[in-house]
């Protein structure tokens, strides 16, 4: 008998939240599960659309994650009642064997609706709010960004962020073919990204590197949150790649990744043994201490210290690569571990 999992996913269906859900679903499908997804009514769902995946639409309020203010939390709480009702109706209609609530509002809405519907659930947590709510309801997985990651809490397992094993299959030649004329294969290649969206601090970090006179291919990945950020990276020494879906190919030619201190891209870099400089506070001042999660493989720095940090990382490149490879197997296996937990809960139904 084929079992069904319903994923309720926060965000716009184009960034790390969506990738987390899709990577877990891929691992579940290998176990014979059928997976369906629910996104917010307003989500464009670019990653799902590109993969030919249809999705359900329910309300999934966002409060701003780790950066949520009391006002935004209250507003999200008021919207949650209607959202849970919509998710409950969806669960009653499609009858999943398990609900997987993915991050923030997706975790809270999914887990609450599953509880009301009497269906097992697993929460995938990274914010203080989802930890506070979901740990009272069902079994959970805390990812490294969560404030409860690494803590001994009943019903909570700390696991690295799930990535696709395909990340290791990057094609350098494919990446080289996409490079503009100013790319110089003889220079080190540095990738800067704050995820699917380019934040101001990351754009400014790229500009600082170029202004320092550093001899490197400086590449920026992500769609600017505001048009004004384009002006910051509109620089002769910056290769602006925009939003891409070929990160695995890009990482296969990268000598260093400069990333925001969170998210799937840090894990993908670690899986490939790419040294990482994690910039603190890029996203709304958030800090997740990735240097402690991946000791010896990640250097942390404030955005204003980007030049010194990148210089140090390039000098210590071999050391950082060796450290990253120590974590690679556990990172690549994270999706399967999470899928195993979800399967155990589904079989309780």
C-alpha atoms as a PDB file:
ATOM      1  CA  UNK A   1       0.000   0.000   0.000  1.00  0.00           C
ATOM      2  CA  UNK A   2       1.369   3.404  -1.038  1.00  0.00           C
ATOM      3  CA  UNK A   3       1.568   5.880   1.820  1.00  0.00           C
ATOM      4  CA  UNK A   4       0.956   9.593   1.339  1.00  0.00           C
ATOM      5  CA  UNK A   5       2.713  12.574   2.931  1.00  0.00           C
ATOM      6  CA  UNK A   6       1.415  16.126   2.826  1.00  0.00           C
ATOM      7  CA  UNK A   7       4.025  18.897   3.149  1.00  0.00           C
ATOM      8  CA  UNK A   8       2.882  22.317   4.356  1.00  0.00           C
ATOM      9  CA  UNK A   9       5.662  24.666   3.315  1.00  0.00           C
ATOM     10  CA  UNK A  10       6.388  28.213   4.387  1.00  0.00           C
ATOM     11  CA  UNK A  11       7.794  30.840   2.035  1.00  0.00           C
ATOM     12  CA  UNK A  12       7.349  31.587  -1.640  1.00  0.00           C
ATOM     13  CA  UNK A  13       8.206  28.197  -3.068  1.00  0.00           C
ATOM     14  CA  UNK A  14      11.493  29.386  -4.538  1.00  0.00           C
ATOM     15  CA  UNK A  15      14.100  29.381  -1.742  1.00  0.00           C
ATOM     16  CA  UNK A  16      15.571  27.298   1.045  1.00  0.00           C
ATOM     17  CA  UNK A  17      12.203  26.392   2.599  1.00  0.00           C
ATOM     18  CA  UNK A  18      11.016  24.867  -0.666  1.00  0.00           C
ATOM     19  CA  UNK A  19      14.341  23.108  -1.270  1.00  0.00           C
ATOM     20  CA  UNK A  20      14.162  21.606   2.231  1.00  0.00           C
ATOM     21  CA  UNK A  21      10.688  20.216   1.537  1.00  0.00           C
ATOM     22  CA  UNK A  22      11.573  18.917  -1.919  1.00  0.00           C
ATOM     23  CA  UNK A  23      14.747  17.199  -0.728  1.00  0.00           C
ATOM     24  CA  UNK A  24      12.911  15.418   2.091  1.00  0.00           C
ATOM     25  CA  UNK A  25      10.115  14.454  -0.303  1.00  0.00           C
ATOM     26  CA  UNK A  26      12.627  13.004  -2.746  1.00  0.00           C
ATOM     27  CA  UNK A  27      14.026  10.776   0.015  1.00  0.00           C
ATOM     28  CA  UNK A  28      10.493   9.742   0.996  1.00  0.00           C
ATOM     29  CA  UNK A  29       9.577   8.877  -2.583  1.00  0.00           C
ATOM     30  CA  UNK A  30      12.482   6.429  -2.649  1.00  0.00           C
ATOM     31  CA  UNK A  31      10.699   4.701   0.226  1.00  0.00           C
ATOM     32  CA  UNK A  32       7.540   4.404  -1.864  1.00  0.00           C
ATOM     33  CA  UNK A  33       5.665   7.456  -0.549  1.00  0.00           C
ATOM     34  CA  UNK A  34       3.441   9.697  -2.606  1.00  0.00           C
ATOM     35  CA  UNK A  35       4.114  13.343  -1.699  1.00  0.00           C
ATOM     36  CA  UNK A  36       1.820  16.344  -2.048  1.00  0.00           C
ATOM     37  CA  UNK A  37       2.556  19.952  -1.168  1.00  0.00           C
ATOM     38  CA  UNK A  38       0.654  22.950   0.165  1.00  0.00           C
ATOM     39  CA  UNK A  39       1.970  26.515  -0.235  1.00  0.00           C
ATOM     40  CA  UNK A  40       0.520  29.870   0.667  1.00  0.00           C
ATOM     41  CA  UNK A  41      -2.044  31.340  -1.736  1.00  0.00           C
ATOM     42  CA  UNK A  42       0.433  34.059  -2.754  1.00  0.00           C
ATOM     43  CA  UNK A  43       3.451  31.784  -3.352  1.00  0.00           C
ATOM     44  CA  UNK A  44       4.678  31.748  -6.974  1.00  0.00           C
ATOM     45  CA  UNK A  45       6.154  28.286  -6.397  1.00  0.00           C
ATOM     46  CA  UNK A  46       8.937  28.711  -8.960  1.00  0.00           C
ATOM     47  CA  UNK A  47      10.908  25.636  -7.856  1.00  0.00           C
ATOM     48  CA  UNK A  48       7.798  23.465  -7.916  1.00  0.00           C
ATOM     49  CA  UNK A  49       6.703  24.804 -11.276  1.00  0.00           C
ATOM     50  CA  UNK A  50      10.141  24.127 -12.796  1.00  0.00           C
ATOM     51  CA  UNK A  51       9.867  20.506 -11.667  1.00  0.00           C
ATOM     52  CA  UNK A  52       6.346  20.130 -13.004  1.00  0.00           C
ATOM     53  CA  UNK A  53       4.911  19.711  -9.486  1.00  0.00           C
ATOM     54  CA  UNK A  54       1.405  21.011  -8.758  1.00  0.00           C
ATOM     55  CA  UNK A  55       0.536  22.164  -5.249  1.00  0.00           C
ATOM     56  CA  UNK A  56      -2.433  22.907  -3.014  1.00  0.00           C
ATOM     57  CA  UNK A  57      -3.080  26.437  -1.811  1.00  0.00           C
ATOM     58  CA  UNK A  58      -3.790  27.209   1.841  1.00  0.00           C
ATOM     59  CA  UNK A  59      -2.991  30.138   4.084  1.00  0.00           C
ATOM     60  CA  UNK A  60       0.492  29.860   5.595  1.00  0.00           C
ATOM     61  CA  UNK A  61       1.254  33.033   7.548  1.00  0.00           C
ATOM     62  CA  UNK A  62       4.821  34.234   7.908  1.00  0.00           C
ATOM     63  CA  UNK A  63       5.996  36.237  10.893  1.00  0.00           C
ATOM     64  CA  UNK A  64       9.548  36.856   9.723  1.00  0.00           C
ATOM     65  CA  UNK A  65      11.245  33.806  11.251  1.00  0.00           C
ATOM     66  CA  UNK A  66      14.081  34.616  13.626  1.00  0.00           C
ATOM     67  CA  UNK A  67      13.617  38.328  12.937  1.00  0.00           C
ATOM     68  CA  UNK A  68       9.927  38.393  13.854  1.00  0.00           C
ATOM     69  CA  UNK A  69       8.809  41.351  15.951  1.00  0.00           C
ATOM     70  CA  UNK A  70       6.071  41.083  18.585  1.00  0.00           C
ATOM     71  CA  UNK A  71       3.711  42.934  16.250  1.00  0.00           C
ATOM     72  CA  UNK A  72       4.362  40.558  13.368  1.00  0.00           C
ATOM     73  CA  UNK A  73       4.035  37.542  15.654  1.00  0.00           C
ATOM     74  CA  UNK A  74       0.651  38.782  16.857  1.00  0.00           C
ATOM     75  CA  UNK A  75      -0.498  39.425  13.310  1.00  0.00           C
ATOM     76  CA  UNK A  76       0.632  35.947  12.256  1.00  0.00           C
ATOM     77  CA  UNK A  77      -1.128  34.407  15.252  1.00  0.00           C
ATOM     78  CA  UNK A  78      -4.401  36.061  14.279  1.00  0.00           C
ATOM     79  CA  UNK A  79      -4.078  34.708  10.735  1.00  0.00           C
ATOM     80  CA  UNK A  80      -3.140  31.240  11.948  1.00  0.00           C
ATOM     81  CA  UNK A  81      -6.657  30.239  13.028  1.00  0.00           C
ATOM     82  CA  UNK A  82      -8.004  30.575   9.482  1.00  0.00           C
ATOM     83  CA  UNK A  83      -4.856  28.957   8.099  1.00  0.00           C
ATOM     84  CA  UNK A  84      -5.189  25.911  10.361  1.00  0.00           C
ATOM     85  CA  UNK A  85      -8.833  25.548   9.330  1.00  0.00           C
ATOM     86  CA  UNK A  86      -7.886  25.566   5.644  1.00  0.00           C
ATOM     87  CA  UNK A  87      -5.109  23.027   6.212  1.00  0.00           C
ATOM     88  CA  UNK A  88      -7.458  20.849   8.298  1.00  0.00           C
ATOM     89  CA  UNK A  89      -9.970  20.820   5.433  1.00  0.00           C
ATOM     90  CA  UNK A  90      -7.212  19.852   2.994  1.00  0.00           C
ATOM     91  CA  UNK A  91      -6.080  17.010   5.246  1.00  0.00           C
ATOM     92  CA  UNK A  92      -9.653  15.724   5.519  1.00  0.00           C
ATOM     93  CA  UNK A  93     -10.008  15.852   1.739  1.00  0.00           C
ATOM     94  CA  UNK A  94      -6.773  14.188   0.568  1.00  0.00           C
ATOM     95  CA  UNK A  95      -6.295  11.910   3.620  1.00  0.00           C
ATOM     96  CA  UNK A  96      -2.501  11.771   4.015  1.00  0.00           C
ATOM     97  CA  UNK A  97      -0.888   9.202   6.298  1.00  0.00           C
ATOM     98  CA  UNK A  98       1.415  11.870   7.714  1.00  0.00           C
ATOM     99  CA  UNK A  99       1.777  15.657   7.589  1.00  0.00           C
ATOM    100  CA  UNK A 100       5.227  17.260   7.370  1.00  0.00           C
ATOM    101  CA  UNK A 101       5.187  20.869   8.564  1.00  0.00           C
ATOM    102  CA  UNK A 102       8.171  22.633   7.038  1.00  0.00           C
ATOM    103  CA  UNK A 103       9.644  25.624   8.846  1.00  0.00           C
ATOM    104  CA  UNK A 104       7.993  28.574  10.559  1.00  0.00           C
ATOM    105  CA  UNK A 105       4.367  29.044   9.573  1.00  0.00           C
ATOM    106  CA  UNK A 106       4.441  25.869   7.490  1.00  0.00           C
ATOM    107  CA  UNK A 107       5.445  23.848  10.543  1.00  0.00           C
ATOM    108  CA  UNK A 108       2.972  25.520  12.903  1.00  0.00           C
ATOM    109  CA  UNK A 109      -0.022  25.325  10.553  1.00  0.00           C
ATOM    110  CA  UNK A 110       0.728  21.789   9.396  1.00  0.00           C
ATOM    111  CA  UNK A 111       1.294  20.365  12.860  1.00  0.00           C
ATOM    112  CA  UNK A 112      -1.744  22.077  14.421  1.00  0.00           C
ATOM    113  CA  UNK A 113      -4.037  21.021  11.565  1.00  0.00           C
ATOM    114  CA  UNK A 114      -2.731  17.438  11.726  1.00  0.00           C
ATOM    115  CA  UNK A 115      -3.380  17.335  15.464  1.00  0.00           C
ATOM    116  CA  UNK A 116      -6.976  18.452  14.937  1.00  0.00           C
ATOM    117  CA  UNK A 117      -7.438  15.922  12.136  1.00  0.00           C
ATOM    118  CA  UNK A 118      -5.937  13.070  14.158  1.00  0.00           C
ATOM    119  CA  UNK A 119      -3.131  12.477  11.648  1.00  0.00           C
ATOM    120  CA  UNK A 120       0.528  11.918  12.641  1.00  0.00           C
ATOM    121  CA  UNK A 121       2.868  14.821  11.938  1.00  0.00           C
ATOM    122  CA  UNK A 122       6.541  15.708  11.924  1.00  0.00           C
ATOM    123  CA  UNK A 123       7.710  19.294  12.228  1.00  0.00           C
ATOM    124  CA  UNK A 124      10.883  20.530  10.542  1.00  0.00           C
ATOM    125  CA  UNK A 125      11.987  23.433  12.714  1.00  0.00           C
ATOM    126  CA  UNK A 126      14.299  26.429  12.497  1.00  0.00           C
ATOM    127  CA  UNK A 127      12.557  29.327  14.287  1.00  0.00           C
ATOM    128  CA  UNK A 128      11.820  30.034  17.958  1.00  0.00           C
ATOM    129  CA  UNK A 129       8.078  30.129  17.193  1.00  0.00           C
ATOM    130  CA  UNK A 130       7.875  26.762  15.449  1.00  0.00           C
ATOM    131  CA  UNK A 131       9.971  25.218  18.254  1.00  0.00           C
ATOM    132  CA  UNK A 132       7.681  26.665  20.915  1.00  0.00           C
ATOM    133  CA  UNK A 133       4.501  25.375  19.257  1.00  0.00           C
ATOM    134  CA  UNK A 134       5.392  22.132  17.501  1.00  0.00           C
ATOM    135  CA  UNK A 135       7.378  20.514  20.301  1.00  0.00           C
ATOM    136  CA  UNK A 136       4.116  20.338  22.263  1.00  0.00           C
ATOM    137  CA  UNK A 137       2.289  18.561  19.459  1.00  0.00           C
ATOM    138  CA  UNK A 138       4.343  15.857  17.757  1.00  0.00           C
ATOM    139  CA  UNK A 139       7.767  14.528  16.856  1.00  0.00           C
ATOM    140  CA  UNK A 140      10.150  17.061  15.355  1.00  0.00           C
ATOM    141  CA  UNK A 141      13.443  17.569  13.555  1.00  0.00           C
ATOM    142  CA  UNK A 142      15.513  20.603  14.561  1.00  0.00           C
ATOM    143  CA  UNK A 143      17.764  21.936  11.805  1.00  0.00           C
ATOM    144  CA  UNK A 144      20.998  23.807  12.649  1.00  0.00           C
ATOM    145  CA  UNK A 145      19.370  27.264  12.516  1.00  0.00           C
ATOM    146  CA  UNK A 146      16.952  26.289  15.287  1.00  0.00           C
ATOM    147  CA  UNK A 147      17.528  27.541  18.829  1.00  0.00           C
ATOM    148  CA  UNK A 148      16.917  23.963  20.038  1.00  0.00           C
ATOM    149  CA  UNK A 149      19.434  22.298  17.692  1.00  0.00           C
ATOM    150  CA  UNK A 150      21.749  20.053  19.686  1.00  0.00           C
ATOM    151  CA  UNK A 151      19.649  20.181  22.845  1.00  0.00           C
ATOM    152  CA  UNK A 152      18.384  17.039  24.566  1.00  0.00           C
ATOM    153  CA  UNK A 153      14.617  17.436  24.187  1.00  0.00           C
ATOM    154  CA  UNK A 154      12.233  14.506  24.103  1.00  0.00           C
ATOM    155  CA  UNK A 155      10.728  13.979  20.673  1.00  0.00           C
ATOM    156  CA  UNK A 156      13.234  16.270  18.943  1.00  0.00           C
ATOM    157  CA  UNK A 157      16.140  15.062  16.819  1.00  0.00           C
ATOM    158  CA  UNK A 158      18.873  17.438  15.652  1.00  0.00           C
ATOM    159  CA  UNK A 159      19.823  16.758  12.030  1.00  0.00           C
ATOM    160  CA  UNK A 160      21.711  18.723   9.383  1.00  0.00           C
ATOM    161  CA  UNK A 161      19.642  20.451   6.706  1.00  0.00           C
ATOM    162  CA  UNK A 162      18.535  17.993   4.021  1.00  0.00           C
ATOM    163  CA  UNK A 163      20.236  18.394   0.672  1.00  0.00           C
ATOM    164  CA  UNK A 164      19.898  16.504  -2.567  1.00  0.00           C
ATOM    165  CA  UNK A 165      22.584  13.858  -3.112  1.00  0.00           C
ATOM    166  CA  UNK A 166      22.678  15.158  -6.691  1.00  0.00           C
ATOM    167  CA  UNK A 167      24.655  18.161  -5.400  1.00  0.00           C
ATOM    168  CA  UNK A 168      27.737  15.978  -5.751  1.00  0.00           C
ATOM    169  CA  UNK A 169      27.095  15.508  -9.485  1.00  0.00           C
ATOM    170  CA  UNK A 170      27.999  19.028 -10.576  1.00  0.00           C
ATOM    171  CA  UNK A 171      29.427  19.427 -14.067  1.00  0.00           C
ATOM    172  CA  UNK A 172      32.363  21.870 -14.266  1.00  0.00           C
ATOM    173  CA  UNK A 173      32.155  22.068 -18.060  1.00  0.00           C
ATOM    174  CA  UNK A 174      28.491  23.078 -17.841  1.00  0.00           C
ATOM    175  CA  UNK A 175      29.427  25.844 -15.410  1.00  0.00           C
ATOM    176  CA  UNK A 176      32.281  27.059 -17.606  1.00  0.00           C
ATOM    177  CA  UNK A 177      29.960  27.254 -20.634  1.00  0.00           C
ATOM    178  CA  UNK A 178      27.685  29.618 -18.707  1.00  0.00           C
ATOM    179  CA  UNK A 179      30.484  31.982 -17.725  1.00  0.00           C
ATOM    180  CA  UNK A 180      30.695  35.464 -19.288  1.00  0.00           C
ATOM    181  CA  UNK A 181      33.845  36.607 -21.129  1.00  0.00           C
ATOM    182  CA  UNK A 182      35.383  38.295 -18.057  1.00  0.00           C
ATOM    183  CA  UNK A 183      35.631  34.957 -16.228  1.00  0.00           C
ATOM    184  CA  UNK A 184      39.277  33.919 -15.840  1.00  0.00           C
ATOM    185  CA  UNK A 185      39.776  30.199 -15.075  1.00  0.00           C
ATOM    186  CA  UNK A 186      43.306  30.936 -13.848  1.00  0.00           C
ATOM    187  CA  UNK A 187      41.971  33.002 -10.931  1.00  0.00           C
ATOM    188  CA  UNK A 188      40.303  31.672  -7.749  1.00  0.00           C
ATOM    189  CA  UNK A 189      36.511  31.556  -8.014  1.00  0.00           C
ATOM    190  CA  UNK A 190      34.560  33.016  -5.086  1.00  0.00           C
ATOM    191  CA  UNK A 191      30.777  32.545  -4.914  1.00  0.00           C
ATOM    192  CA  UNK A 192      28.782  34.999  -2.782  1.00  0.00           C
ATOM    193  CA  UNK A 193      25.152  34.251  -1.947  1.00  0.00           C
ATOM    194  CA  UNK A 194      22.499  34.859   0.685  1.00  0.00           C
ATOM    195  CA  UNK A 195      20.217  32.239  -0.866  1.00  0.00           C
ATOM    196  CA  UNK A 196      17.555  32.712  -3.530  1.00  0.00           C
ATOM    197  CA  UNK A 197      17.303  36.390  -2.556  1.00  0.00           C
ATOM    198  CA  UNK A 198      20.241  38.788  -2.565  1.00  0.00           C
ATOM    199  CA  UNK A 199      20.378  40.861   0.629  1.00  0.00           C
ATOM    200  CA  UNK A 200      22.025  44.280   0.818  1.00  0.00           C
ATOM    201  CA  UNK A 201      24.853  43.209   3.140  1.00  0.00           C
ATOM    202  CA  UNK A 202      25.915  40.444   0.734  1.00  0.00           C
ATOM    203  CA  UNK A 203      25.856  42.835  -2.219  1.00  0.00           C
ATOM    204  CA  UNK A 204      28.017  45.266  -0.258  1.00  0.00           C
ATOM    205  CA  UNK A 205      30.405  42.456   0.692  1.00  0.00           C
ATOM    206  CA  UNK A 206      30.936  41.651  -2.999  1.00  0.00           C
ATOM    207  CA  UNK A 207      31.618  45.308  -3.706  1.00  0.00           C
ATOM    208  CA  UNK A 208      34.181  45.452  -0.884  1.00  0.00           C
ATOM    209  CA  UNK A 209      36.039  42.469  -2.313  1.00  0.00           C
ATOM    210  CA  UNK A 210      36.304  44.090  -5.723  1.00  0.00           C
ATOM    211  CA  UNK A 211      37.334  47.463  -4.291  1.00  0.00           C
ATOM    212  CA  UNK A 212      40.098  45.727  -2.328  1.00  0.00           C
ATOM    213  CA  UNK A 213      41.776  44.758  -5.583  1.00  0.00           C
ATOM    214  CA  UNK A 214      41.487  41.034  -4.875  1.00  0.00           C
ATOM    215  CA  UNK A 215      42.451  38.978  -7.919  1.00  0.00           C
ATOM    216  CA  UNK A 216      39.530  36.541  -8.201  1.00  0.00           C
ATOM    217  CA  UNK A 217      36.360  35.706 -10.100  1.00  0.00           C
ATOM    218  CA  UNK A 218      33.788  37.285  -7.780  1.00  0.00           C
ATOM    219  CA  UNK A 219      30.350  35.844  -8.501  1.00  0.00           C
ATOM    220  CA  UNK A 220      27.084  36.913  -6.911  1.00  0.00           C
ATOM    221  CA  UNK A 221      24.074  34.573  -6.825  1.00  0.00           C
ATOM    222  CA  UNK A 222      20.477  35.498  -5.940  1.00  0.00           C
ATOM    223  CA  UNK A 223      17.658  37.765  -7.026  1.00  0.00           C
ATOM    224  CA  UNK A 224      17.994  41.212  -5.384  1.00  0.00           C
ATOM    225  CA  UNK A 225      15.330  41.887  -2.769  1.00  0.00           C
ATOM    226  CA  UNK A 226      15.300  45.489  -4.015  1.00  0.00           C
ATOM    227  CA  UNK A 227      16.253  46.980  -7.363  1.00  0.00           C
ATOM    228  CA  UNK A 228      18.671  49.361  -5.635  1.00  0.00           C
ATOM    229  CA  UNK A 229      20.870  46.394  -4.695  1.00  0.00           C
ATOM    230  CA  UNK A 230      21.569  45.874  -8.389  1.00  0.00           C
ATOM    231  CA  UNK A 231      23.360  49.205  -8.429  1.00  0.00           C
ATOM    232  CA  UNK A 232      25.695  47.985  -5.677  1.00  0.00           C
ATOM    233  CA  UNK A 233      26.802  44.965  -7.718  1.00  0.00           C
ATOM    234  CA  UNK A 234      26.774  46.756 -11.073  1.00  0.00           C
ATOM    235  CA  UNK A 235      30.533  46.683 -10.983  1.00  0.00           C
ATOM    236  CA  UNK A 236      33.035  45.694 -13.660  1.00  0.00           C
ATOM    237  CA  UNK A 237      34.711  43.222 -11.314  1.00  0.00           C
ATOM    238  CA  UNK A 238      31.504  41.409 -10.257  1.00  0.00           C
ATOM    239  CA  UNK A 239      29.903  38.579 -12.219  1.00  0.00           C
ATOM    240  CA  UNK A 240      26.198  38.805 -11.370  1.00  0.00           C
ATOM    241  CA  UNK A 241      24.556  35.431 -12.049  1.00  0.00           C
ATOM    242  CA  UNK A 242      21.164  36.325 -10.558  1.00  0.00           C
ATOM    243  CA  UNK A 243      18.780  33.565  -9.507  1.00  0.00           C
ATOM    244  CA  UNK A 244      20.099  30.207 -10.750  1.00  0.00           C
ATOM    245  CA  UNK A 245      19.078  26.567 -10.506  1.00  0.00           C
ATOM    246  CA  UNK A 246      22.513  25.129 -11.353  1.00  0.00           C
ATOM    247  CA  UNK A 247      24.262  25.636  -8.016  1.00  0.00           C
ATOM    248  CA  UNK A 248      25.776  22.149  -8.128  1.00  0.00           C
ATOM    249  CA  UNK A 249      27.592  23.034 -11.351  1.00  0.00           C
ATOM    250  CA  UNK A 250      28.750  26.367  -9.960  1.00  0.00           C
ATOM    251  CA  UNK A 251      30.045  24.811  -6.743  1.00  0.00           C
ATOM    252  CA  UNK A 252      32.046  22.305  -8.785  1.00  0.00           C
ATOM    253  CA  UNK A 253      34.315  25.171  -9.929  1.00  0.00           C
ATOM    254  CA  UNK A 254      34.238  27.210  -6.699  1.00  0.00           C
ATOM    255  CA  UNK A 255      37.341  27.692  -4.573  1.00  0.00           C
ATOM    256  CA  UNK A 256      35.413  29.459  -1.790  1.00  0.00           C
ATOM    257  CA  UNK A 257      31.796  30.197  -0.893  1.00  0.00           C
ATOM    258  CA  UNK A 258      30.873  33.366   1.004  1.00  0.00           C
ATOM    259  CA  UNK A 259      27.385  32.745   2.372  1.00  0.00           C
ATOM    260  CA  UNK A 260      24.871  34.088   4.856  1.00  0.00           C
ATOM    261  CA  UNK A 261      25.086  32.363   8.228  1.00  0.00           C
ATOM    262  CA  UNK A 262      22.224  29.960   7.548  1.00  0.00           C
ATOM    263  CA  UNK A 263      20.532  27.780   5.060  1.00  0.00           C
ATOM    264  CA  UNK A 264      20.853  25.004   2.571  1.00  0.00           C
ATOM    265  CA  UNK A 265      23.713  26.537   0.573  1.00  0.00           C
ATOM    266  CA  UNK A 266      26.117  26.217   3.527  1.00  0.00           C
ATOM    267  CA  UNK A 267      25.270  22.511   3.757  1.00  0.00           C
ATOM    268  CA  UNK A 268      25.652  22.030  -0.002  1.00  0.00           C
ATOM    269  CA  UNK A 269      29.099  23.637   0.116  1.00  0.00           C
ATOM    270  CA  UNK A 270      30.129  21.432   3.052  1.00  0.00           C
ATOM    271  CA  UNK A 271      28.903  18.310   1.220  1.00  0.00           C
ATOM    272  CA  UNK A 272      31.203  19.182  -1.674  1.00  0.00           C
ATOM    273  CA  UNK A 273      34.148  20.093   0.522  1.00  0.00           C
ATOM    274  CA  UNK A 274      34.040  23.761  -0.514  1.00  0.00           C
ATOM    275  CA  UNK A 275      35.504  26.107   2.139  1.00  0.00           C
ATOM    276  CA  UNK A 276      32.932  28.553   3.559  1.00  0.00           C
ATOM    277  CA  UNK A 277      33.057  32.055   4.988  1.00  0.00           C
ATOM    278  CA  UNK A 278      29.763  32.667   6.803  1.00  0.00           C
ATOM    279  CA  UNK A 279      28.796  36.321   7.147  1.00  0.00           C
ATOM    280  CA  UNK A 280      26.952  37.213  10.335  1.00  0.00           C
ATOM    281  CA  UNK A 281      23.786  39.272  10.349  1.00  0.00           C
ATOM    282  CA  UNK A 282      23.187  39.387   6.581  1.00  0.00           C
ATOM    283  CA  UNK A 283      19.511  38.471   6.920  1.00  0.00           C
ATOM    284  CA  UNK A 284      17.778  40.823   9.333  1.00  0.00           C
ATOM    285  CA  UNK A 285      20.665  40.588  11.783  1.00  0.00           C
ATOM    286  CA  UNK A 286      20.248  36.846  12.261  1.00  0.00           C
ATOM    287  CA  UNK A 287      23.121  34.761  13.599  1.00  0.00           C
ATOM    288  CA  UNK A 288      23.123  30.959  13.694  1.00  0.00           C
ATOM    289  CA  UNK A 289      26.737  30.184  14.576  1.00  0.00           C
ATOM    290  CA  UNK A 290      27.484  27.936  11.597  1.00  0.00           C
ATOM    291  CA  UNK A 291      31.120  28.038  12.670  1.00  0.00           C
ATOM    292  CA  UNK A 292      30.186  25.979  15.730  1.00  0.00           C
ATOM    293  CA  UNK A 293      27.970  23.597  13.716  1.00  0.00           C
ATOM    294  CA  UNK A 294      30.797  22.883  11.255  1.00  0.00           C
ATOM    295  CA  UNK A 295      33.890  23.467  13.353  1.00  0.00           C
ATOM    296  CA  UNK A 296      37.046  23.893  11.317  1.00  0.00           C
ATOM    297  CA  UNK A 297      35.190  24.020   7.987  1.00  0.00           C
ATOM    298  CA  UNK A 298      33.495  27.417   8.280  1.00  0.00           C
ATOM    299  CA  UNK A 299      35.094  30.752   9.079  1.00  0.00           C
ATOM    300  CA  UNK A 300      32.755  33.400  10.460  1.00  0.00           C
ATOM    301  CA  UNK A 301      33.053  37.126   9.868  1.00  0.00           C
ATOM    302  CA  UNK A 302      31.098  40.349   9.982  1.00  0.00           C
ATOM    303  CA  UNK A 303      30.351  41.790   6.525  1.00  0.00           C
ATOM    304  CA  UNK A 304      32.748  44.701   7.032  1.00  0.00           C
ATOM    305  CA  UNK A 305      35.591  42.214   7.601  1.00  0.00           C
ATOM    306  CA  UNK A 306      34.962  40.308   4.384  1.00  0.00           C
ATOM    307  CA  UNK A 307      38.323  41.073   2.751  1.00  0.00           C
ATOM    308  CA  UNK A 308      40.405  39.783   5.674  1.00  0.00           C
ATOM    309  CA  UNK A 309      38.189  36.707   6.098  1.00  0.00           C
ATOM    310  CA  UNK A 310      38.339  35.738   2.419  1.00  0.00           C
ATOM    311  CA  UNK A 311      42.113  36.205   2.343  1.00  0.00           C
ATOM    312  CA  UNK A 312      42.476  33.960   5.396  1.00  0.00           C
ATOM    313  CA  UNK A 313      40.144  31.326   3.934  1.00  0.00           C
ATOM    314  CA  UNK A 314      42.036  31.186   0.641  1.00  0.00           C
ATOM    315  CA  UNK A 315      45.316  30.791   2.525  1.00  0.00           C
ATOM    316  CA  UNK A 316      43.830  27.964   4.632  1.00  0.00           C
ATOM    317  CA  UNK A 317      41.898  26.409   1.766  1.00  0.00           C
ATOM    318  CA  UNK A 318      43.328  22.881   2.052  1.00  0.00           C
ATOM    319  CA  UNK A 319      42.725  22.794   5.816  1.00  0.00           C
ATOM    320  CA  UNK A 320      39.134  23.966   5.432  1.00  0.00           C
ATOM    321  CA  UNK A 321      38.450  21.454   2.675  1.00  0.00           C
ATOM    322  CA  UNK A 322      39.704  18.564   4.803  1.00  0.00           C
ATOM    323  CA  UNK A 323      37.472  19.688   7.679  1.00  0.00           C
ATOM    324  CA  UNK A 324      34.430  20.013   5.407  1.00  0.00           C
ATOM    325  CA  UNK A 325      34.894  16.469   4.122  1.00  0.00           C
ATOM    326  CA  UNK A 326      34.599  15.155   7.690  1.00  0.00           C
ATOM    327  CA  UNK A 327      30.995  16.375   7.750  1.00  0.00           C
ATOM    328  CA  UNK A 328      30.133  15.546   4.144  1.00  0.00           C
ATOM    329  CA  UNK A 329      28.704  12.056   4.699  1.00  0.00           C
ATOM    330  CA  UNK A 330      26.367  13.109   7.517  1.00  0.00           C
ATOM    331  CA  UNK A 331      25.157  16.121   5.526  1.00  0.00           C
ATOM    332  CA  UNK A 332      24.448  14.048   2.430  1.00  0.00           C
ATOM    333  CA  UNK A 333      22.600  11.464   4.565  1.00  0.00           C
ATOM    334  CA  UNK A 334      20.406  14.017   6.374  1.00  0.00           C
ATOM    335  CA  UNK A 335      17.419  13.768   4.026  1.00  0.00           C
ATOM    336  CA  UNK A 336      17.303   9.984   4.409  1.00  0.00           C
ATOM    337  CA  UNK A 337      17.434  10.284   8.218  1.00  0.00           C
ATOM    338  CA  UNK A 338      14.523  12.719   8.229  1.00  0.00           C
ATOM    339  CA  UNK A 339      12.577  10.542   5.792  1.00  0.00           C
ATOM    340  CA  UNK A 340      13.081   7.590   8.134  1.00  0.00           C
ATOM    341  CA  UNK A 341      11.535   9.538  11.024  1.00  0.00           C
ATOM    342  CA  UNK A 342       8.562  10.544   8.877  1.00  0.00           C
ATOM    343  CA  UNK A 343       8.052   6.932   7.780  1.00  0.00           C
ATOM    344  CA  UNK A 344       8.033   5.761  11.404  1.00  0.00           C
ATOM    345  CA  UNK A 345       5.351   8.302  12.289  1.00  0.00           C
ATOM    346  CA  UNK A 346       3.264   7.494   9.196  1.00  0.00           C
ATOM    347  CA  UNK A 347       3.186   3.835  10.149  1.00  0.00           C
ATOM    348  CA  UNK A 348       1.625   4.754  13.476  1.00  0.00           C
ATOM    349  CA  UNK A 349      -1.547   5.865  11.682  1.00  0.00           C
END
